[in-house]
Amino acid sequence: MTMPNKIQEQAKDLLEKVVSSVHELVDDITALEINTMVVDQITGAKFNAWQAYEEIYSINDKDYFDVKGIPNPDDLPEPQKTQAQELRKRYTSLFSQLEREYFYILLEKSNESSEPDSRIIQYQERLKYQVEHKANILPTDEVYIKLARPILPAPTPVADREENNLKSLQQRWKEIEELLNNDKFIRTLRKMSELKAALNSGNITTVDIDVIYAQTVMQLDGDIISRYHKKLFQLPEGDRDLILKIHNEGVVAGEKQWRGTLDFLIGIVQNIAKLSRQ
């Protein structure tokens, strides 16, 4: 192989790797979303995949809401009861979305194996049960208890007493490690972690839910969608104008950074493409 041909082959290989990497990145930056809300506190903690996984998984614990001091809807009158139900629903949806992402990963892996995965069957049976029973699901139903058992691997050894040998524990750690190295799963985990941080930023011991006063979404095709909560226009004029100002500045800054990232990625691909044609 001559030197020019060798350079072309190397450039093509590099281009394929970059395109593959860019594809993963584009999946996560096809849209820009700016949300503006007023909260009681802001955490400066950085994203830690393992810690985030433990925190999201813990939402499924039966005592989670009691430990966190989140109000029990059964102890409240209307309309506080409805608000408390909505708050709990927001938390449980974080776990549900993460578990759904894991289900899709299992489906992809099932194509490579001839053996049926019991976790896929369990998840499908659970969905079927929920559709058939809808609002009439009894938490004490033994069938539902079995189906509702998480398909996600538990992050702590004591979470499952049936796994009491070293080999099964090592297998679980390996599976979680693979999950935390999966780009799609990590993107979902990071998003759920951010949403959980937003929920935790308010006073979770009350039924008040933090309001997203303004939201702007920009799509790659040029569509721009802005939403404003009706409560925004019930605020004093000074507060309303300040929130709108902060939101608009965030949109401008976010769009600049977003488009800069896209231009950078496109530039890399174009330069490698030129090199491969030489």
Foldseek 3Di string as FASTA:
>chain_A
DDPLVVLLVVLVVVLVVLVVVVVLVCVLQQKDKFFFFDFQAADPDDDDLLVLVQVLVCLPDPCVCVVLLFDDLVVDDPPLSVLSVVLNVLSVVLNVLLLVLVLVVVVVVVVVDPDDDVLNVLQVVQVVVCVVCPPNDDPPPPVNVVSVPGPQQNSDPVVDPVPPDPVSVVVSVVVVVVQCVDSSSVSSSVVSSVSVSQQVRHSSNGSDGIDRQKMWMAGPVGDIDIDGDPVLVVDPPVSSVVSVVVRVVVVVVSVVVSVVVVVVSVVVSVVSVVSSVD
